[in-house]
Amino acid sequence: MNNVLASIAQEDDLNGVAWNDAHGLLLGAYGDFKEVRSGLGALNSLVTRAKALNPSSDSVEVAPVVRIVTTKRNVVVQEQKDGTVLAVSTPKAR
């Protein structure tokens, strides 16, 4: 798993990648997220709350993107089709 996450990070020039299962359990972490093992399950809560902000009246499933901007980096969080949640971290543009 760690090799897959490292490959994703290197191919897309990312500082970190975290991957949670549909229940918020951490499947793997790389880079920025590697040392922060606790609290990453909250990413699933962010996605669930974002989905609730725009309930879809039709049968089309909406997958919101949550963007977190800090002084050092940008983090993008999105639920994947299989219910897992992927978060990626990139350096803040200067």
PDB file of N, CA and C in Angstrom:
ATOM      1  N   MET A   1       0.817  -1.190   0.000  1.00  0.00           N
ATOM      2  CA  MET A   1       0.000   0.000   0.000  1.00  0.00           C
ATOM      3  C   MET A   1       0.861   1.256   0.000  1.00  0.00           C
ATOM      4  N   ASN A   2       1.892   1.267   0.850  1.00  0.00           N
ATOM      5  CA  ASN A   2       2.744   2.448   0.921  1.00  0.00           C
ATOM      6  C   ASN A   2       3.447   2.714  -0.400  1.00  0.00           C
ATOM      7  N   ASN A   3       3.815   1.667  -1.123  1.00  0.00           N
ATOM      8  CA  ASN A   3       4.451   1.853  -2.429  1.00  0.00           C
ATOM      9  C   ASN A   3       3.490   2.481  -3.424  1.00  0.00           C
ATOM     10  N   VAL A   4       2.225   2.087  -3.368  1.00  0.00           N
ATOM     11  CA  VAL A   4       1.213   2.665  -4.265  1.00  0.00           C
ATOM     12  C   VAL A   4       1.040   4.144  -3.958  1.00  0.00           C
ATOM     13  N   LEU A   5       0.926   4.495  -2.679  1.00  0.00           N
ATOM     14  CA  LEU A   5       0.763   5.895  -2.294  1.00  0.00           C
ATOM     15  C   LEU A   5       1.993   6.718  -2.658  1.00  0.00           C
ATOM     16  N   ALA A   6       3.174   6.155  -2.477  1.00  0.00           N
ATOM     17  CA  ALA A   6       4.403   6.851  -2.856  1.00  0.00           C
ATOM     18  C   ALA A   6       4.436   7.088  -4.358  1.00  0.00           C
ATOM     19  N   SER A   7       3.999   6.110  -5.124  1.00  0.00           N
ATOM     20  CA  SER A   7       3.959   6.242  -6.577  1.00  0.00           C
ATOM     21  C   SER A   7       2.992   7.340  -7.002  1.00  0.00           C
ATOM     22  N   ILE A   8       1.814   7.379  -6.371  1.00  0.00           N
ATOM     23  CA  ILE A   8       0.831   8.432  -6.673  1.00  0.00           C
ATOM     24  C   ILE A   8       1.425   9.800  -6.370  1.00  0.00           C
ATOM     25  N   ALA A   9       2.062   9.926  -5.215  1.00  0.00           N
ATOM     26  CA  ALA A   9       2.637  11.205  -4.805  1.00  0.00           C
ATOM     27  C   ALA A   9       3.731  11.655  -5.766  1.00  0.00           C
ATOM     28  N   GLN A  10       4.584  10.741  -6.183  1.00  0.00           N
ATOM     29  CA  GLN A  10       5.684  11.103  -7.064  1.00  0.00           C
ATOM     30  C   GLN A  10       5.201  11.446  -8.467  1.00  0.00           C
ATOM     31  N   GLU A  11       4.233  10.703  -8.973  1.00  0.00           N
ATOM     32  CA  GLU A  11       3.719  10.966 -10.320  1.00  0.00           C
ATOM     33  C   GLU A  11       3.028  12.316 -10.412  1.00  0.00           C
ATOM     34  N   ASP A  12       2.310  12.690  -9.355  1.00  0.00           N
ATOM     35  CA  ASP A  12       1.523  13.921  -9.385  1.00  0.00           C
ATOM     36  C   ASP A  12       2.172  15.068  -8.618  1.00  0.00           C
ATOM     37  N   ASP A  13       3.430  14.914  -8.206  1.00  0.00           N
ATOM     38  CA  ASP A  13       4.184  15.942  -7.487  1.00  0.00           C
ATOM     39  C   ASP A  13       3.446  16.409  -6.229  1.00  0.00           C
ATOM     40  N   LEU A  14       3.045  15.446  -5.406  1.00  0.00           N
ATOM     41  CA  LEU A  14       2.314  15.733  -4.179  1.00  0.00           C
ATOM     42  C   LEU A  14       3.238  15.625  -2.978  1.00  0.00           C
ATOM     43  N   ASN A  15       2.927  16.366  -1.928  1.00  0.00           N
ATOM     44  CA  ASN A  15       3.692  16.266  -0.687  1.00  0.00           C
ATOM     45  C   ASN A  15       3.180  15.167   0.226  1.00  0.00           C
ATOM     46  N   GLY A  16       1.923  14.794   0.055  1.00  0.00           N
ATOM     47  CA  GLY A  16       1.359  13.765   0.912  1.00  0.00           C
ATOM     48  C   GLY A  16       0.089  13.181   0.344  1.00  0.00           C
ATOM     49  N   VAL A  17      -0.185  11.936   0.727  1.00  0.00           N
ATOM     50  CA  VAL A  17      -1.397  11.236   0.313  1.00  0.00           C
ATOM     51  C   VAL A  17      -1.893  10.431   1.512  1.00  0.00           C
ATOM     52  N   ALA A  18      -3.198  10.514   1.793  1.00  0.00           N
ATOM     53  CA  ALA A  18      -3.819   9.680   2.830  1.00  0.00           C
ATOM     54  C   ALA A  18      -5.032   9.021   2.216  1.00  0.00           C
ATOM     55  N   TRP A  19      -5.244   7.757   2.551  1.00  0.00           N
ATOM     56  CA  TRP A  19      -6.348   6.993   1.978  1.00  0.00           C
ATOM     57  C   TRP A  19      -7.083   6.290   3.104  1.00  0.00           C
ATOM     58  N   ASN A  20      -8.370   6.609   3.265  1.00  0.00           N
ATOM     59  CA  ASN A  20      -9.216   5.999   4.292  1.00  0.00           C
ATOM     60  C   ASN A  20     -10.237   5.087   3.645  1.00  0.00           C
ATOM     61  N   ASP A  21     -10.659   4.059   4.387  1.00  0.00           N
ATOM     62  CA  ASP A  21     -11.754   3.240   3.872  1.00  0.00           C
ATOM     63  C   ASP A  21     -13.078   3.966   4.115  1.00  0.00           C
ATOM     64  N   ALA A  22     -14.181   3.377   3.707  1.00  0.00           N
ATOM     65  CA  ALA A  22     -15.488   4.024   3.801  1.00  0.00           C
ATOM     66  C   ALA A  22     -15.919   4.277   5.245  1.00  0.00           C
ATOM     67  N   HIS A  23     -15.263   3.621   6.208  1.00  0.00           N
ATOM     68  CA  HIS A  23     -15.609   3.788   7.619  1.00  0.00           C
ATOM     69  C   HIS A  23     -14.670   4.756   8.337  1.00  0.00           C
ATOM     70  N   GLY A  24     -13.737   5.362   7.613  1.00  0.00           N
ATOM     71  CA  GLY A  24     -12.803   6.308   8.211  1.00  0.00           C
ATOM     72  C   GLY A  24     -11.527   5.698   8.734  1.00  0.00           C
ATOM     73  N   LEU A  25     -11.342   4.402   8.540  1.00  0.00           N
ATOM     74  CA  LEU A  25     -10.104   3.764   8.992  1.00  0.00           C
ATOM     75  C   LEU A  25      -8.987   4.036   7.995  1.00  0.00           C
ATOM     76  N   LEU A  26      -7.838   4.391   8.499  1.00  0.00           N
ATOM     77  CA  LEU A  26      -6.701   4.725   7.652  1.00  0.00           C
ATOM     78  C   LEU A  26      -6.149   3.476   6.977  1.00  0.00           C
ATOM     79  N   LEU A  27      -6.144   3.478   5.656  1.00  0.00           N
ATOM     80  CA  LEU A  27      -5.575   2.366   4.890  1.00  0.00           C
ATOM     81  C   LEU A  27      -4.088   2.579   4.649  1.00  0.00           C
ATOM     82  N   GLY A  28      -3.697   3.826   4.467  1.00  0.00           N
ATOM     83  CA  GLY A  28      -2.298   4.126   4.221  1.00  0.00           C
ATOM     84  C   GLY A  28      -2.061   5.620   4.197  1.00  0.00           C
ATOM     85  N   ALA A  29      -0.829   6.017   4.479  1.00  0.00           N
ATOM     86  CA  ALA A  29      -0.467   7.431   4.472  1.00  0.00           C
ATOM     87  C   ALA A  29       0.961   7.565   3.979  1.00  0.00           C
ATOM     88  N   TYR A  30       1.232   8.676   3.293  1.00  0.00           N
ATOM     89  CA  TYR A  30       2.560   8.919   2.742  1.00  0.00           C
ATOM     90  C   TYR A  30       2.860  10.411   2.852  1.00  0.00           C
ATOM     91  N   GLY A  31       4.103  10.745   3.035  1.00  0.00           N
ATOM     92  CA  GLY A  31       4.531  12.141   3.032  1.00  0.00           C
ATOM     93  C   GLY A  31       4.001  12.921   4.222  1.00  0.00           C
ATOM     94  N   ASP A  32       3.373  14.074   3.961  1.00  0.00           N
ATOM     95  CA  ASP A  32       2.859  14.947   5.015  1.00  0.00           C
ATOM     96  C   ASP A  32       1.975  14.220   6.018  1.00  0.00           C
ATOM     97  N   PHE A  33       1.227  13.240   5.565  1.00  0.00           N
ATOM     98  CA  PHE A  33       0.264  12.553   6.415  1.00  0.00           C
ATOM     99  C   PHE A  33       0.852  11.358   7.170  1.00  0.00           C
ATOM    100  N   LYS A  34       2.071  10.980   6.843  1.00  0.00           N
ATOM    101  CA  LYS A  34       2.638   9.745   7.398  1.00  0.00           C
ATOM    102  C   LYS A  34       2.753   9.771   8.922  1.00  0.00           C
ATOM    103  N   GLU A  35       3.160  10.879   9.483  1.00  0.00           N
ATOM    104  CA  GLU A  35       3.357  10.970  10.931  1.00  0.00           C
ATOM    105  C   GLU A  35       2.065  11.287  11.680  1.00  0.00           C
ATOM    106  N   VAL A  36       1.032  11.716  10.982  1.00  0.00           N
ATOM    107  CA  VAL A  36      -0.232  12.101  11.616  1.00  0.00           C
ATOM    108  C   VAL A  36      -1.218  10.957  11.460  1.00  0.00           C
ATOM    109  N   ARG A  37      -1.104   9.969  12.299  1.00  0.00           N
ATOM    110  CA  ARG A  37      -1.956   8.772  12.191  1.00  0.00           C
ATOM    111  C   ARG A  37      -3.342   8.995  12.778  1.00  0.00           C
ATOM    112  N   SER A  38      -3.445   9.763  13.849  1.00  0.00           N
ATOM    113  CA  SER A  38      -4.754   9.956  14.475  1.00  0.00           C
ATOM    114  C   SER A  38      -5.438  11.180  13.876  1.00  0.00           C
ATOM    115  N   GLY A  39      -6.736  11.126  13.797  1.00  0.00           N
ATOM    116  CA  GLY A  39      -7.500  12.264  13.310  1.00  0.00           C
ATOM    117  C   GLY A  39      -7.796  12.259  11.828  1.00  0.00           C
ATOM    118  N   LEU A  40      -7.153  11.383  11.065  1.00  0.00           N
ATOM    119  CA  LEU A  40      -7.405  11.370   9.624  1.00  0.00           C
ATOM    120  C   LEU A  40      -8.781  10.807   9.286  1.00  0.00           C
ATOM    121  N   GLY A  41      -9.399  10.092  10.214  1.00  0.00           N
ATOM    122  CA  GLY A  41     -10.764   9.619  10.001  1.00  0.00           C
ATOM    123  C   GLY A  41     -11.753  10.769   9.892  1.00  0.00           C
ATOM    124  N   ALA A  42     -11.369  11.932  10.411  1.00  0.00           N
ATOM    125  CA  ALA A  42     -12.222  13.116  10.314  1.00  0.00           C
ATOM    126  C   ALA A  42     -12.408  13.556   8.866  1.00  0.00           C
ATOM    127  N   LEU A  43     -11.522  13.137   7.982  1.00  0.00           N
ATOM    128  CA  LEU A  43     -11.673  13.477   6.566  1.00  0.00           C
ATOM    129  C   LEU A  43     -12.978  12.911   6.019  1.00  0.00           C
ATOM    130  N   ASN A  44     -13.347  11.717   6.462  1.00  0.00           N
ATOM    131  CA  ASN A  44     -14.612  11.118   6.034  1.00  0.00           C
ATOM    132  C   ASN A  44     -15.789  11.956   6.518  1.00  0.00           C
ATOM    133  N   SER A  45     -15.695  12.491   7.732  1.00  0.00           N
ATOM    134  CA  SER A  45     -16.760  13.346   8.264  1.00  0.00           C
ATOM    135  C   SER A  45     -16.902  14.615   7.442  1.00  0.00           C
ATOM    136  N   LEU A  46     -15.780  15.189   7.019  1.00  0.00           N
ATOM    137  CA  LEU A  46     -15.831  16.384   6.170  1.00  0.00           C
ATOM    138  C   LEU A  46     -16.578  16.104   4.875  1.00  0.00           C
ATOM    139  N   VAL A  47     -16.273  14.985   4.253  1.00  0.00           N
ATOM    140  CA  VAL A  47     -16.923  14.629   2.992  1.00  0.00           C
ATOM    141  C   VAL A  47     -18.415  14.389   3.207  1.00  0.00           C
ATOM    142  N   THR A  48     -18.769  13.699   4.283  1.00  0.00           N
ATOM    143  CA  THR A  48     -20.178  13.427   4.573  1.00  0.00           C
ATOM    144  C   THR A  48     -20.946  14.721   4.794  1.00  0.00           C
ATOM    145  N   ARG A  49     -20.360  15.647   5.530  1.00  0.00           N
ATOM    146  CA  ARG A  49     -21.024  16.930   5.779  1.00  0.00           C
ATOM    147  C   ARG A  49     -21.124  17.762   4.507  1.00  0.00           C
ATOM    148  N   ALA A  50     -20.111  17.713   3.670  1.00  0.00           N
ATOM    149  CA  ALA A  50     -20.157  18.447   2.403  1.00  0.00           C
ATOM    150  C   ALA A  50     -21.252  17.898   1.498  1.00  0.00           C
ATOM    151  N   LYS A  51     -21.425  16.587   1.486  1.00  0.00           N
ATOM    152  CA  LYS A  51     -22.493  15.977   0.683  1.00  0.00           C
ATOM    153  C   LYS A  51     -23.864  16.416   1.189  1.00  0.00           C
ATOM    154  N   ALA A  52     -24.006  16.583   2.490  1.00  0.00           N
ATOM    155  CA  ALA A  52     -25.288  16.979   3.075  1.00  0.00           C
ATOM    156  C   ALA A  52     -25.653  18.425   2.741  1.00  0.00           C
ATOM    157  N   LEU A  53     -24.663  19.252   2.408  1.00  0.00           N
ATOM    158  CA  LEU A  53     -24.940  20.647   2.062  1.00  0.00           C
ATOM    159  C   LEU A  53     -25.679  20.792   0.746  1.00  0.00           C
ATOM    160  N   ASN A  54     -25.539  19.824  -0.129  1.00  0.00           N
ATOM    161  CA  ASN A  54     -26.177  19.896  -1.438  1.00  0.00           C
ATOM    162  C   ASN A  54     -26.842  18.563  -1.748  1.00  0.00           C
ATOM    163  N   PRO A  55     -27.959  18.274  -1.066  1.00  0.00           N
ATOM    164  CA  PRO A  55     -28.622  16.995  -1.338  1.00  0.00           C
ATOM    165  C   PRO A  55     -29.138  16.949  -2.771  1.00  0.00           C
ATOM    166  N   SER A  56     -28.853  15.877  -3.433  1.00  0.00           N
ATOM    167  CA  SER A  56     -29.250  15.714  -4.832  1.00  0.00           C
ATOM    168  C   SER A  56     -30.661  15.144  -4.898  1.00  0.00           C
ATOM    169  N   SER A  57     -31.511  15.797  -5.694  1.00  0.00           N
ATOM    170  CA  SER A  57     -32.887  15.326  -5.814  1.00  0.00           C
ATOM    171  C   SER A  57     -33.024  14.234  -6.869  1.00  0.00           C
ATOM    172  N   ASP A  58     -32.027  14.105  -7.729  1.00  0.00           N
ATOM    173  CA  ASP A  58     -32.090  13.051  -8.746  1.00  0.00           C
ATOM    174  C   ASP A  58     -31.210  11.879  -8.330  1.00  0.00           C
ATOM    175  N   SER A  59     -31.084  10.916  -9.182  1.00  0.00           N
ATOM    176  CA  SER A  59     -30.324   9.710  -8.836  1.00  0.00           C
ATOM    177  C   SER A  59     -28.821   9.854  -9.070  1.00  0.00           C
ATOM    178  N   VAL A  60     -28.383  11.007  -9.535  1.00  0.00           N
ATOM    179  CA  VAL A  60     -26.960  11.226  -9.791  1.00  0.00           C
ATOM    180  C   VAL A  60     -26.246  11.467  -8.462  1.00  0.00           C
ATOM    181  N   GLU A  61     -25.233  10.696  -8.210  1.00  0.00           N
ATOM    182  CA  GLU A  61     -24.462  10.819  -6.972  1.00  0.00           C
ATOM    183  C   GLU A  61     -23.439  11.941  -7.123  1.00  0.00           C
ATOM    184  N   VAL A  62     -23.401  12.847  -6.169  1.00  0.00           N
ATOM    185  CA  VAL A  62     -22.487  13.976  -6.196  1.00  0.00           C
ATOM    186  C   VAL A  62     -21.318  13.675  -5.262  1.00  0.00           C
ATOM    187  N   ALA A  63     -20.112  13.891  -5.743  1.00  0.00           N
ATOM    188  CA  ALA A  63     -18.908  13.693  -4.926  1.00  0.00           C
ATOM    189  C   ALA A  63     -18.236  15.046  -4.726  1.00  0.00           C
ATOM    190  N   PRO A  64     -18.549  15.728  -3.616  1.00  0.00           N
ATOM    191  CA  PRO A  64     -17.958  17.043  -3.399  1.00  0.00           C
ATOM    192  C   PRO A  64     -16.453  16.953  -3.159  1.00  0.00           C
ATOM    193  N   VAL A  65     -15.786  18.047  -3.449  1.00  0.00           N
ATOM    194  CA  VAL A  65     -14.361  18.175  -3.178  1.00  0.00           C
ATOM    195  C   VAL A  65     -14.213  19.178  -2.043  1.00  0.00           C
ATOM    196  N   VAL A  66     -13.512  18.777  -0.990  1.00  0.00           N
ATOM    197  CA  VAL A  66     -13.260  19.661   0.137  1.00  0.00           C
ATOM    198  C   VAL A  66     -11.824  20.139   0.015  1.00  0.00           C
ATOM    199  N   ARG A  67     -11.645  21.455  -0.019  1.00  0.00           N
ATOM    200  CA  ARG A  67     -10.305  22.029  -0.151  1.00  0.00           C
ATOM    201  C   ARG A  67      -9.973  22.763   1.138  1.00  0.00           C
ATOM    202  N   ILE A  68      -8.852  22.400   1.734  1.00  0.00           N
ATOM    203  CA  ILE A  68      -8.385  23.023   2.969  1.00  0.00           C
ATOM    204  C   ILE A  68      -7.109  23.786   2.627  1.00  0.00           C
ATOM    205  N   VAL A  69      -7.109  25.089   2.900  1.00  0.00           N
ATOM    206  CA  VAL A  69      -5.968  25.935   2.575  1.00  0.00           C
ATOM    207  C   VAL A  69      -5.347  26.429   3.876  1.00  0.00           C
ATOM    208  N   THR A  70      -4.052  26.157   4.046  1.00  0.00           N
ATOM    209  CA  THR A  70      -3.323  26.651   5.212  1.00  0.00           C
ATOM    210  C   THR A  70      -2.198  27.551   4.720  1.00  0.00           C
ATOM    211  N   THR A  71      -1.436  28.088   5.645  1.00  0.00           N
ATOM    212  CA  THR A  71      -0.335  28.960   5.246  1.00  0.00           C
ATOM    213  C   THR A  71       0.790  28.198   4.561  1.00  0.00           C
ATOM    214  N   LYS A  72       0.875  26.880   4.793  1.00  0.00           N
ATOM    215  CA  LYS A  72       1.966  26.091   4.214  1.00  0.00           C
ATOM    216  C   LYS A  72       1.556  25.214   3.040  1.00  0.00           C
ATOM    217  N   ARG A  73       0.282  24.764   3.015  1.00  0.00           N
ATOM    218  CA  ARG A  73      -0.093  23.812   1.962  1.00  0.00           C
ATOM    219  C   ARG A  73      -1.580  23.843   1.677  1.00  0.00           C
ATOM    220  N   ASN A  74      -1.927  23.206   0.580  1.00  0.00           N
ATOM    221  CA  ASN A  74      -3.317  22.996   0.189  1.00  0.00           C
ATOM    222  C   ASN A  74      -3.606  21.506   0.305  1.00  0.00           C
ATOM    223  N   VAL A  75      -4.760  21.182   0.858  1.00  0.00           N
ATOM    224  CA  VAL A  75      -5.181  19.792   0.983  1.00  0.00           C
ATOM    225  C   VAL A  75      -6.523  19.648   0.279  1.00  0.00           C
ATOM    226  N   VAL A  76      -6.632  18.645  -0.567  1.00  0.00           N
ATOM    227  CA  VAL A  76      -7.875  18.361  -1.277  1.00  0.00           C
ATOM    228  C   VAL A  76      -8.358  16.983  -0.834  1.00  0.00           C
ATOM    229  N   VAL A  77      -9.638  16.913  -0.453  1.00  0.00           N
ATOM    230  CA  VAL A  77     -10.230  15.675   0.054  1.00  0.00           C
ATOM    231  C   VAL A  77     -11.443  15.338  -0.805  1.00  0.00           C
ATOM    232  N   GLN A  78     -11.528  14.091  -1.266  1.00  0.00           N
ATOM    233  CA  GLN A  78     -12.674  13.678  -2.079  1.00  0.00           C
ATOM    234  C   GLN A  78     -12.981  12.206  -1.853  1.00  0.00           C
ATOM    235  N   GLU A  79     -14.281  11.903  -1.815  1.00  0.00           N
ATOM    236  CA  GLU A  79     -14.718  10.517  -1.723  1.00  0.00           C
ATOM    237  C   GLU A  79     -14.627   9.881  -3.106  1.00  0.00           C
ATOM    238  N   GLN A  80     -14.087   8.685  -3.160  1.00  0.00           N
ATOM    239  CA  GLN A  80     -13.963   7.956  -4.415  1.00  0.00           C
ATOM    240  C   GLN A  80     -15.229   7.134  -4.671  1.00  0.00           C
ATOM    241  N   LYS A  81     -15.361   6.589  -5.855  1.00  0.00           N
ATOM    242  CA  LYS A  81     -16.555   5.817  -6.218  1.00  0.00           C
ATOM    243  C   LYS A  81     -16.791   4.610  -5.326  1.00  0.00           C
ATOM    244  N   ASP A  82     -15.717   4.026  -4.792  1.00  0.00           N
ATOM    245  CA  ASP A  82     -15.870   2.843  -3.941  1.00  0.00           C
ATOM    246  C   ASP A  82     -16.115   3.192  -2.471  1.00  0.00           C
ATOM    247  N   GLY A  83     -16.287   4.469  -2.165  1.00  0.00           N
ATOM    248  CA  GLY A  83     -16.571   4.894  -0.799  1.00  0.00           C
ATOM    249  C   GLY A  83     -15.348   5.264   0.009  1.00  0.00           C
ATOM    250  N   THR A  84     -14.165   4.973  -0.510  1.00  0.00           N
ATOM    251  CA  THR A  84     -12.953   5.367   0.200  1.00  0.00           C
ATOM    252  C   THR A  84     -12.752   6.868   0.037  1.00  0.00           C
ATOM    253  N   VAL A  85     -11.962   7.449   0.930  1.00  0.00           N
ATOM    254  CA  VAL A  85     -11.701   8.884   0.893  1.00  0.00           C
ATOM    255  C   VAL A  85     -10.207   9.097   0.682  1.00  0.00           C
ATOM    256  N   LEU A  86      -9.880   9.910  -0.307  1.00  0.00           N
ATOM    257  CA  LEU A  86      -8.496  10.198  -0.650  1.00  0.00           C
ATOM    258  C   LEU A  86      -8.210  11.664  -0.358  1.00  0.00           C
ATOM    259  N   ALA A  87      -7.111  11.934   0.328  1.00  0.00           N
ATOM    260  CA  ALA A  87      -6.671  13.298   0.597  1.00  0.00           C
ATOM    261  C   ALA A  87      -5.273  13.461   0.026  1.00  0.00           C
ATOM    262  N   VAL A  88      -5.039  14.587  -0.631  1.00  0.00           N
ATOM    263  CA  VAL A  88      -3.719  14.873  -1.181  1.00  0.00           C
ATOM    264  C   VAL A  88      -3.273  16.249  -0.702  1.00  0.00           C
ATOM    265  N   SER A  89      -1.979  16.409  -0.534  1.00  0.00           N
ATOM    266  CA  SER A  89      -1.401  17.644  -0.040  1.00  0.00           C
ATOM    267  C   SER A  89      -0.391  18.167  -1.049  1.00  0.00           C
ATOM    268  N   THR A  90      -0.484  19.456  -1.349  1.00  0.00           N
ATOM    269  CA  THR A  90       0.469  20.098  -2.253  1.00  0.00           C
ATOM    270  C   THR A  90       1.025  21.338  -1.563  1.00  0.00           C
ATOM    271  N   PRO A  91       2.245  21.742  -1.919  1.00  0.00           N
ATOM    272  CA  PRO A  91       2.796  22.946  -1.306  1.00  0.00           C
ATOM    273  C   PRO A  91       1.997  24.173  -1.728  1.00  0.00           C
ATOM    274  N   LYS A  92       1.938  25.155  -0.860  1.00  0.00           N
ATOM    275  CA  LYS A  92       1.226  26.402  -1.141  1.00  0.00           C
ATOM    276  C   LYS A  92       1.990  27.168  -2.213  1.00  0.00           C
ATOM    277  N   ALA A  93       1.276  27.616  -3.248  1.00  0.00           N
ATOM    278  CA  ALA A  93       1.903  28.412  -4.305  1.00  0.00           C
ATOM    279  C   ALA A  93       2.292  29.767  -3.727  1.00  0.00           C
ATOM    280  N   ARG A  94       3.452  30.223  -4.121  1.00  0.00           N
ATOM    281  CA  ARG A  94       3.925  31.519  -3.592  1.00  0.00           C
ATOM    282  C   ARG A  94       3.606  32.630  -4.533  1.00  0.00           C
TER     283      ARG A  94
END
